[in-house]
Protein backbone atom coordinates (compact mmCIF):
# COMPACT_ATOMS: atom_id res chain seq x y z
CA MET A 1 12.55 15.55 11.86
CA THR A 2 9.31 15.08 14.36
CA THR A 3 9.33 11.92 16.82
CA MET A 4 6.21 10.51 14.12
CA THR A 5 7.89 10.47 11.45
CA PRO A 6 9.24 6.47 12.01
CA ASN A 7 5.41 5.42 13.67
CA ARG A 8 3.99 6.45 10.72
CA LEU A 9 6.56 4.74 8.45
CA GLU A 10 5.78 2.08 10.77
CA GLU A 11 2.26 2.68 9.89
CA LEU A 12 2.67 3.41 5.98
CA ALA A 13 4.56 -0.30 5.41
CA GLU A 14 1.11 -2.22 7.55
CA LEU A 15 -0.93 -0.21 5.26
CA GLU A 16 1.48 -2.04 2.83
CA ARG A 17 1.45 -5.25 4.29
CA THR A 18 -2.53 -5.14 4.99
CA ALA A 19 -3.15 -4.27 1.39
CA TRP A 20 -1.38 -7.08 -0.83
CA ALA A 21 -3.16 -9.73 2.01
CA GLU A 22 -6.74 -8.35 1.00
CA TYR A 23 -5.63 -8.24 -2.92
CA SER A 24 -4.07 -12.07 -2.13
CA ASP A 25 -7.40 -12.89 -0.21
CA ALA A 26 -9.88 -11.52 -2.07
CA LEU A 27 -8.57 -13.72 -5.53
CA ARG A 28 -7.87 -16.90 -3.13
CA ASP A 29 -10.97 -19.07 -3.97
CA LEU A 30 -11.31 -17.56 -7.18
CA GLN A 31 -11.13 -19.63 -10.88
CA GLY A 32 -12.03 -18.56 -14.27
CA ARG A 33 -14.32 -15.47 -15.14
CA ASP A 34 -14.01 -15.05 -11.41
CA TYR A 35 -11.13 -14.51 -11.05
CA GLU A 36 -10.60 -12.77 -14.10
CA GLN A 37 -13.24 -10.03 -13.25
CA ALA A 38 -12.56 -9.76 -9.17
CA GLU A 39 -8.23 -9.36 -10.43
CA ALA A 40 -8.97 -6.13 -12.54
CA ALA A 41 -11.04 -4.41 -9.92
CA SER A 42 -9.04 -6.22 -7.42
CA TRP A 43 -5.40 -4.47 -9.18
CA ASP A 44 -6.88 -1.14 -9.64
CA GLU A 45 -7.92 -0.55 -6.05
CA LEU A 46 -4.16 -1.93 -4.75
CA GLN A 47 -2.21 -0.10 -6.82
CA GLY A 48 -4.89 3.35 -5.55
CA LEU A 49 -3.72 2.24 -2.22
CA LEU A 50 0.47 1.54 -3.25
CA ALA A 51 0.09 4.56 -4.98
CA ASP A 52 -1.32 6.99 -2.18
CA VAL A 53 1.40 5.33 0.21
CA ALA A 54 4.12 5.84 -1.91
CA ALA A 55 3.17 9.49 -1.63
CA GLU A 56 2.57 9.69 1.45
CA ARG A 57 6.38 7.93 1.75
CA ALA A 58 7.66 11.55 -0.35
CA GLU A 59 6.35 13.50 1.72
CA ILE A 60 7.97 12.19 4.52
CA ALA A 61 11.25 11.70 2.58
CA ALA A 62 10.59 15.48 1.74
CA GLU A 63 10.37 16.84 4.44
CA THR A 64 12.88 15.23 6.56
CA PRO A 65 16.52 16.99 5.90
CA ALA A 66 18.70 14.37 5.35
CA ALA A 67 21.10 13.08 7.72
CA GLY A 68 25.02 13.98 7.33
């Protein structure tokens, strides 16, 4: 395991938290039709970002030898 892996996992966790916060912030003051339109686009963007984070985590897990 490289020394960068724990740092990168922390960075990925922060990216995930930031993505959820931005999603929430983008919708906070919207109502009705404005909310519906913004929510669909924001949700798609959030899901893409979360998928990227999950993929990178999976890569790290595949490259990291199991402790044992």
